[in-house]
Amino acid sequence: MYMDIYAIQNVPPSNINRDETGNPKTALYGGVLRSRVSSQAWKRAMRHTFCVRMGKDHIGKRTMNAVQLIVDSMVEQRPKCAAEKASKYASAVLKAIGIKTKPSKRAGAASGKPVTDYLVFLANTEIKRLAALALEWMDQGKKPTQKLDTDMQKEMADIFHNEQAVDIALFGRMLADAPDLNTDASAQVAHAISVDAIRPEYDFFTAKDDCSENDNAGAAMMDSVGFNSSTLYRYANVNLTALREQLGNIEVTSKAASVFVEAFIRSMPTGKQNSYGNRTLPETCIVAFRDNQPINAVEAFEKPVKASEDKSITQIACLQLIDELHRIEKAYDEKPKHTWVTSTIVSPEDLEPTENLVSLTTLINQVDAETKNELKQHEQSR
């Protein structure tokens, strides 16, 4: 069972996802320049919603400071544990799973502290279990440099082969030095692209020194920053069956599915947000459950959308998306099992009788309920 999520979202002048030059990311599609927001940027924004909705026991942290997280958990579990000794054992348990550490070269408080070579995605529950294992090794008198014996290897395997954190299960985990920890992502998030052609623009600005001398009329600072405005087409899908297998629980899976939908709809990457105040919500969101394959309907916008006399780009894009989904469903016999639409633009007359126009709250609740129903039916049929 797959869950497709589509959104049309108007974004005013902004720079929410920058390239290496500091300008908004772009892409060529349909032969014209489009605004683009990378999937990585939007997934990062979505993960903040997971923290609030799922609780810390169901999420993880992506960091180079895994040693410090394990040390903090060791001290929390045993307040009298010496931090320096704990740090050696924390590094040892990471090394035991193939993750090397080294002294940080960053300036400031992080200088010299042990860090990993790259970002490591660890569940909060995994951090807690690694800390407990490090304390156990410490109590048993095992040295931090000791090689893994059979029992130690089993203990390590038990930590990472239980239920996954929701964000790790959804977005995956890839560690080249520790392939046993790799997790296939249950979700796919497309790069958002604009339905309309865009033209890069630049804002030249100056800043005045409030306390400058009276005979100094010049600016204290001058610079320029790139921006654009667009209507974005956004798409993601979740393999609900695979997510259930990773999370090991239908209740947690159904909640994760509904939180994913809410996070996808409500989140916004924070790049230059204070400068542009560009926080918007999608004008139209569509969620469809399919039992054959996920379907991205981006071809609806291969030809860039232009405003007409009586309809905006966003209005036209919303209707084009619905029409394209209907064409795909008829041509390929890909009728969804369930479809919900939340929109400020679309009316019931634009939809098929089986498509439900609902509020966002109702949509989220329906995703939760139908995920439970579909997964229970799937288990009963096995």
Protein backbone atom coordinates (compact mmCIF):
# COMPACT_ATOMS: atom_id res chain seq x y z
CA MET A 1 0.00 0.00 0.00
CA TYR A 2 1.44 3.33 -1.11
CA MET A 3 0.46 6.83 0.02
CA ASP A 4 0.94 9.63 -2.52
CA ILE A 5 0.94 13.27 -1.38
CA TYR A 6 0.63 16.18 -3.80
CA ALA A 7 0.68 19.90 -3.04
CA ILE A 8 0.44 23.19 -4.92
CA GLN A 9 1.95 25.99 -2.88
CA ASN A 10 2.40 29.66 -3.75
CA VAL A 11 5.58 31.19 -2.33
CA PRO A 12 6.22 34.96 -2.45
CA PRO A 13 9.68 36.52 -3.00
CA SER A 14 12.04 34.29 -1.02
CA ASN A 15 15.32 32.37 -0.90
CA ILE A 16 14.40 29.29 1.12
CA ASN A 17 17.04 26.94 -0.32
CA ARG A 18 20.37 28.37 -1.49
CA ASP A 19 22.99 26.97 -3.85
CA GLU A 20 26.75 27.35 -3.48
CA THR A 21 26.57 30.98 -4.67
CA GLY A 22 23.91 31.93 -2.11
CA ASN A 23 21.18 32.24 -4.73
CA PRO A 24 17.92 30.22 -4.80
CA LYS A 25 18.27 26.75 -6.31
CA THR A 26 16.81 26.29 -9.80
CA ALA A 27 16.23 23.54 -12.36
CA LEU A 28 15.47 23.30 -16.06
CA TYR A 29 12.20 21.47 -16.74
CA GLY A 30 10.16 21.59 -19.89
CA GLY A 31 12.88 23.72 -21.45
CA VAL A 32 12.44 26.64 -19.04
CA LEU A 33 14.02 27.75 -15.77
CA ARG A 34 12.11 26.74 -12.63
CA SER A 35 12.49 27.51 -8.97
CA ARG A 36 13.61 24.43 -7.01
CA VAL A 37 13.71 23.40 -3.36
CA SER A 38 15.74 20.27 -2.67
CA SER A 39 14.14 17.28 -0.98
CA GLN A 40 16.87 17.40 1.67
CA ALA A 41 15.87 20.92 2.70
CA TRP A 42 12.19 20.03 3.00
CA LYS A 43 12.86 16.74 4.82
CA ARG A 44 14.95 18.62 7.36
CA ALA A 45 12.01 20.98 7.98
CA MET A 46 9.62 18.02 8.27
CA ARG A 47 11.74 16.29 10.91
CA HIS A 48 11.12 19.17 13.33
CA THR A 49 7.41 18.36 13.23
CA PHE A 50 8.16 14.71 13.99
CA CYS A 51 9.91 15.77 17.21
CA VAL A 52 6.76 17.50 18.44
CA ARG A 53 4.14 14.99 17.24
CA MET A 54 5.85 11.61 17.77
CA GLY A 55 7.82 12.11 20.99
CA LYS A 56 11.55 11.64 21.47
CA ASP A 57 11.35 7.84 21.85
CA HIS A 58 10.28 7.51 18.20
CA ILE A 59 12.76 9.86 16.52
CA GLY A 60 16.50 10.21 16.02
CA LYS A 61 19.33 12.72 15.72
CA ARG A 62 21.67 13.25 12.77
CA THR A 63 24.94 14.53 14.11
CA MET A 64 28.73 14.25 14.29
CA ASN A 65 28.49 14.61 18.09
CA ALA A 66 27.28 11.05 18.74
CA VAL A 67 29.97 10.52 21.39
CA GLN A 68 28.67 13.42 23.47
CA LEU A 69 25.07 12.19 23.15
CA ILE A 70 26.10 8.76 24.45
CA VAL A 71 28.13 10.34 27.27
CA ASP A 72 25.15 12.50 28.29
CA SER A 73 22.94 9.41 28.38
CA MET A 74 25.54 7.50 30.43
CA VAL A 75 25.70 10.31 32.98
CA GLU A 76 21.90 10.51 33.03
CA GLN A 77 21.68 6.78 33.74
CA ARG A 78 24.52 6.93 36.27
CA PRO A 79 25.09 10.49 37.59
CA LYS A 80 28.39 9.60 39.32
CA CYS A 81 29.94 8.36 36.06
CA ALA A 82 33.09 10.36 35.20
CA ALA A 83 32.63 12.18 31.88
CA GLU A 84 36.22 11.55 30.69
CA LYS A 85 35.97 7.81 31.27
CA ALA A 86 32.48 7.74 29.77
CA SER A 87 33.80 9.44 26.64
CA LYS A 88 36.34 6.66 26.06
CA TYR A 89 33.67 3.96 26.35
CA ALA A 90 31.25 5.95 24.19
CA SER A 91 33.90 6.10 21.47
CA ALA A 92 34.50 2.37 21.97
CA VAL A 93 30.88 1.34 21.36
CA LEU A 94 30.76 3.49 18.22
CA LYS A 95 34.02 1.95 17.00
CA ALA A 96 32.57 -1.48 17.69
CA ILE A 97 29.84 -0.85 15.11
CA GLY A 98 32.32 0.54 12.59
CA ILE A 99 32.00 4.27 13.26
CA LYS A 100 35.36 5.94 13.88
CA THR A 101 35.88 9.06 15.96
CA LYS A 102 38.54 11.78 15.96
CA PRO A 103 39.25 15.02 17.85
CA SER A 104 37.23 17.95 16.51
CA LYS A 105 39.19 20.69 14.73
CA ARG A 106 36.41 23.24 15.16
CA ALA A 107 37.16 26.33 17.20
CA GLY A 108 35.39 27.12 20.45
CA ALA A 109 33.76 24.72 22.90
CA ALA A 110 33.87 21.81 20.42
CA SER A 111 37.66 21.99 19.98
CA GLY A 112 39.34 18.66 20.71
CA LYS A 113 36.13 16.79 21.58
CA PRO A 114 35.67 13.38 19.91
CA VAL A 115 33.41 13.53 16.85
CA THR A 116 32.58 11.13 14.03
CA ASP A 117 34.03 11.52 10.54
CA TYR A 118 30.59 12.31 9.10
CA LEU A 119 26.99 12.85 10.12
CA VAL A 120 25.54 9.76 11.83
CA PHE A 121 21.79 9.20 12.09
CA LEU A 122 21.00 7.47 15.41
CA ALA A 123 17.65 6.89 17.09
CA ASN A 124 17.27 8.30 20.60
CA THR A 125 16.49 4.78 21.80
CA GLU A 126 19.70 3.51 20.14
CA ILE A 127 21.71 6.21 21.91
CA LYS A 128 20.18 5.18 25.23
CA ARG A 129 20.95 1.48 24.60
CA LEU A 130 24.51 2.24 23.50
CA ALA A 131 25.01 4.20 26.72
CA ALA A 132 23.67 1.30 28.79
CA LEU A 133 25.97 -1.12 26.95
CA ALA A 134 28.98 1.16 27.51
CA LEU A 135 28.19 1.21 31.24
CA GLU A 136 27.87 -2.57 31.23
CA TRP A 137 31.27 -2.98 29.56
CA MET A 138 32.72 -0.55 32.09
CA ASP A 139 31.28 -2.58 35.01
CA GLN A 140 32.62 -5.83 33.51
CA GLY A 141 36.10 -4.37 33.37
CA LYS A 142 36.33 -4.56 29.60
CA LYS A 143 38.83 -2.12 28.13
CA PRO A 144 37.72 0.51 25.59
CA THR A 145 40.33 -0.89 23.17
CA GLN A 146 39.13 -4.50 23.53
CA LYS A 147 38.11 -6.34 20.37
CA LEU A 148 34.53 -7.58 20.08
CA ASP A 149 33.92 -11.13 21.22
CA THR A 150 30.83 -13.16 20.19
CA ASP A 151 28.70 -11.93 23.10
CA MET A 152 29.61 -8.30 22.45
CA GLN A 153 28.74 -8.66 18.76
CA LYS A 154 25.31 -10.06 19.65
CA GLU A 155 24.73 -7.23 22.11
CA MET A 156 25.53 -4.68 19.39
CA ALA A 157 23.27 -6.41 16.85
CA ASP A 158 20.34 -6.43 19.30
CA ILE A 159 20.57 -2.64 19.64
CA PHE A 160 20.19 -1.92 15.93
CA HIS A 161 17.86 -4.66 14.76
CA ASN A 162 14.78 -3.82 16.78
CA GLU A 163 12.07 -1.27 15.92
CA GLN A 164 13.36 1.72 13.94
CA ALA A 165 12.92 5.38 14.78
CA VAL A 166 10.18 6.93 12.66
CA ASP A 167 12.39 9.46 10.87
CA ILE A 168 15.09 6.84 10.18
CA ALA A 169 12.49 4.42 8.80
CA LEU A 170 10.96 7.13 6.61
CA PHE A 171 14.12 8.80 5.31
CA GLY A 172 16.62 5.96 5.60
CA ARG A 173 20.13 5.66 6.98
CA MET A 174 23.31 5.00 5.01
CA LEU A 175 26.64 4.40 6.77
CA ALA A 176 29.45 3.26 4.49
CA ASP A 177 31.60 2.09 7.42
CA ALA A 178 28.73 0.25 9.14
CA PRO A 179 26.54 -1.34 6.44
CA ASP A 180 24.65 -3.44 9.01
CA LEU A 181 23.10 -0.19 10.23
CA ASN A 182 21.83 0.83 6.79
CA THR A 183 18.07 1.31 6.49
CA ASP A 184 16.09 1.64 3.27
CA ALA A 185 13.85 4.69 3.24
CA SER A 186 10.10 4.02 3.26
CA ALA A 187 9.43 7.52 1.91
CA GLN A 188 10.46 9.32 -1.26
CA VAL A 189 10.39 13.12 -1.41
CA ALA A 190 10.74 14.85 -4.76
CA HIS A 191 12.52 18.15 -5.29
CA ALA A 192 9.84 20.81 -5.36
CA ILE A 193 9.79 22.73 -8.65
CA SER A 194 7.76 25.70 -9.78
CA VAL A 195 4.84 25.16 -12.15
CA ASP A 196 5.72 28.48 -13.78
CA ALA A 197 8.88 29.79 -15.41
CA ILE A 198 10.87 32.07 -13.13
CA ARG A 199 13.40 34.83 -13.64
CA PRO A 200 16.14 35.24 -11.03
CA GLU A 201 15.99 38.61 -9.29
CA TYR A 202 18.40 40.39 -6.99
CA ASP A 203 17.81 42.71 -4.06
CA PHE A 204 20.48 45.38 -3.65
CA PHE A 205 20.41 46.73 -0.12
CA THR A 206 22.28 49.18 2.06
CA ALA A 207 22.51 49.48 5.83
CA LYS A 208 22.89 52.76 7.72
CA ASP A 209 25.00 53.06 10.85
CA ASP A 210 22.67 54.45 13.55
CA CYS A 211 25.60 56.00 15.39
CA SER A 212 27.69 57.39 12.54
CA GLU A 213 29.11 60.93 12.55
CA ASN A 214 26.95 63.73 11.13
CA ASP A 215 29.39 64.35 8.29
CA ASN A 216 29.27 60.70 7.14
CA ALA A 217 26.33 60.21 4.81
CA GLY A 218 27.56 56.92 3.32
CA ALA A 219 26.18 53.45 3.92
CA ALA A 220 27.89 51.23 6.48
CA MET A 221 27.14 48.12 4.41
CA MET A 222 26.10 47.30 0.84
CA ASP A 223 25.29 43.92 -0.67
CA SER A 224 22.86 42.07 -2.90
CA VAL A 225 20.93 38.85 -2.40
CA GLY A 226 19.11 36.66 -4.91
CA PHE A 227 15.44 35.75 -4.67
CA ASN A 228 12.47 34.61 -6.72
CA SER A 229 8.75 34.00 -6.35
CA SER A 230 6.88 30.99 -7.68
CA THR A 231 4.09 28.47 -7.32
CA LEU A 232 5.62 25.15 -6.31
CA TYR A 233 4.51 21.63 -7.18
CA ARG A 234 5.47 19.28 -4.35
CA TYR A 235 5.25 15.49 -4.22
CA ALA A 236 6.14 12.66 -1.83
CA ASN A 237 5.13 9.06 -1.28
CA VAL A 238 5.33 6.51 1.53
CA ASN A 239 5.42 2.73 1.23
CA LEU A 240 3.09 2.02 4.16
CA THR A 241 3.69 -1.73 4.05
CA ALA A 242 7.47 -1.30 4.33
CA LEU A 243 7.03 1.33 7.05
CA ARG A 244 4.94 -1.15 9.06
CA GLU A 245 7.68 -3.77 8.76
CA GLN A 246 10.31 -1.32 9.99
CA LEU A 247 8.31 0.14 12.87
CA GLY A 248 6.88 -3.21 13.94
CA ASN A 249 3.57 -1.78 15.12
CA ILE A 250 0.39 -0.79 13.26
CA GLU A 251 -0.54 1.93 15.76
CA VAL A 252 2.87 3.61 15.50
CA THR A 253 2.82 3.24 11.69
CA SER A 254 -0.60 4.85 11.32
CA LYS A 255 0.44 7.75 13.53
CA ALA A 256 3.72 8.10 11.60
CA ALA A 257 1.79 8.21 8.30
CA SER A 258 -0.55 10.94 9.54
CA VAL A 259 2.34 12.94 11.05
CA PHE A 260 4.24 12.63 7.77
CA VAL A 261 1.26 14.14 5.91
CA GLU A 262 0.89 16.96 8.42
CA ALA A 263 4.62 17.66 8.41
CA PHE A 264 4.74 17.66 4.60
CA ILE A 265 1.88 20.16 4.42
CA ARG A 266 2.76 22.49 7.28
CA SER A 267 6.57 22.58 7.11
CA MET A 268 8.70 25.19 5.35
CA PRO A 269 12.52 25.33 5.05
CA THR A 270 13.79 28.28 7.08
CA GLY A 271 16.31 29.81 4.66
CA LYS A 272 16.14 33.63 4.74
CA GLN A 273 12.74 33.41 6.43
CA ASN A 274 13.32 36.45 8.64
CA SER A 275 14.22 38.53 5.58
CA TYR A 276 11.19 37.52 3.49
CA GLY A 277 8.44 36.28 5.82
CA ASN A 278 7.54 33.70 3.18
CA ARG A 279 5.73 31.18 5.43
CA THR A 280 2.70 29.98 3.43
CA LEU A 281 0.44 26.92 3.37
CA PRO A 282 -0.41 24.96 0.21
CA GLU A 283 -3.52 26.07 -1.67
CA THR A 284 -4.30 22.43 -2.54
CA CYS A 285 -3.18 19.13 -1.00
CA ILE A 286 -4.15 15.69 -2.31
CA VAL A 287 -3.50 12.39 -0.53
CA ALA A 288 -4.14 9.11 -2.37
CA PHE A 289 -3.75 5.50 -1.23
CA ARG A 290 -2.71 3.14 -4.04
CA ASP A 291 -2.18 -0.62 -3.99
CA ASN A 292 -0.13 -0.91 -7.19
CA GLN A 293 2.56 1.79 -7.38
CA PRO A 294 3.18 5.42 -6.41
CA ILE A 295 2.58 7.99 -9.17
CA ASN A 296 4.22 11.40 -9.55
CA ALA A 297 2.05 13.67 -11.72
CA VAL A 298 4.72 16.29 -12.44
CA GLU A 299 4.08 16.05 -16.23
CA ALA A 300 1.02 18.23 -15.60
CA PHE A 301 3.46 21.14 -15.52
CA GLU A 302 5.96 20.26 -18.23
CA LYS A 303 4.47 23.20 -20.09
CA PRO A 304 4.85 26.15 -17.69
CA VAL A 305 1.62 27.61 -16.34
CA LYS A 306 0.70 31.19 -17.16
CA ALA A 307 -1.99 33.30 -15.54
CA SER A 308 -5.17 34.06 -17.51
CA GLU A 309 -7.45 37.08 -17.24
CA ASP A 310 -9.66 35.47 -14.61
CA LYS A 311 -7.42 32.83 -12.98
CA SER A 312 -4.07 32.99 -11.20
CA ILE A 313 -1.16 30.64 -11.83
CA THR A 314 -1.96 28.87 -8.56
CA GLN A 315 -5.64 28.40 -9.43
CA ILE A 316 -4.81 26.98 -12.86
CA ALA A 317 -2.11 24.70 -11.42
CA CYS A 318 -4.49 23.20 -8.85
CA LEU A 319 -7.04 22.31 -11.53
CA GLN A 320 -4.35 21.02 -13.91
CA LEU A 321 -3.01 18.70 -11.22
CA ILE A 322 -6.46 17.22 -10.59
CA ASP A 323 -7.13 16.84 -14.32
CA GLU A 324 -3.76 15.12 -14.86
CA LEU A 325 -4.40 12.67 -12.03
CA HIS A 326 -7.79 11.84 -13.56
CA ARG A 327 -6.18 11.26 -16.97
CA ILE A 328 -3.53 8.96 -15.49
CA GLU A 329 -6.10 7.01 -13.52
CA LYS A 330 -8.28 6.43 -16.59
CA ALA A 331 -5.46 5.66 -19.03
CA TYR A 332 -3.62 3.24 -16.74
CA ASP A 333 -6.54 1.93 -14.68
CA GLU A 334 -4.88 3.33 -11.54
CA LYS A 335 -7.89 4.28 -9.47
CA PRO A 336 -6.79 5.00 -5.88
CA LYS A 337 -8.43 3.13 -3.02
CA HIS A 338 -8.87 6.40 -1.10
CA THR A 339 -8.44 10.07 -2.06
CA TRP A 340 -8.75 13.15 0.13
CA VAL A 341 -8.38 16.77 -0.99
CA THR A 342 -7.81 19.85 1.18
CA SER A 343 -8.01 23.07 -0.79
CA THR A 344 -8.83 26.77 -0.68
CA ILE A 345 -9.46 26.71 -4.44
CA VAL A 346 -10.90 23.37 -5.56
CA SER A 347 -14.68 22.80 -5.32
CA PRO A 348 -16.56 19.45 -5.12
CA GLU A 349 -17.57 19.92 -8.78
CA ASP A 350 -13.89 19.60 -9.79
CA LEU A 351 -13.59 16.17 -8.16
CA GLU A 352 -14.78 12.64 -8.82
CA PRO A 353 -17.56 11.31 -6.53
CA THR A 354 -15.02 9.05 -4.77
CA GLU A 355 -12.73 12.00 -3.94
CA ASN A 356 -13.44 13.69 -0.62
CA LEU A 357 -13.00 17.43 -0.10
CA VAL A 358 -12.13 17.77 3.59
CA SER A 359 -10.40 20.02 6.12
CA LEU A 360 -6.78 19.34 7.00
CA THR A 361 -7.74 17.96 10.42
CA THR A 362 -10.16 15.50 8.82
CA LEU A 363 -7.58 14.53 6.20
CA ILE A 364 -4.97 13.74 8.88
CA ASN A 365 -7.48 11.72 10.93
CA GLN A 366 -8.60 9.80 7.83
CA VAL A 367 -5.01 8.95 6.91
CA ASP A 368 -4.47 7.59 10.43
CA ALA A 369 -7.68 5.52 10.39
CA GLU A 370 -7.32 4.13 6.84
CA THR A 371 -3.66 3.25 7.37
CA LYS A 372 -4.75 1.08 10.31
CA ASN A 373 -7.54 -0.51 8.28
CA GLU A 374 -5.39 -1.25 5.23
CA LEU A 375 -2.50 -2.70 7.24
CA LYS A 376 -4.82 -4.88 9.33
CA GLN A 377 -6.43 -6.21 6.16
CA HIS A 378 -2.98 -6.84 4.69
CA GLU A 379 -1.92 -8.84 7.75
CA GLN A 380 -5.14 -10.88 7.76
CA SER A 381 -4.68 -11.80 4.10
CA ARG A 382 -1.13 -13.12 4.58
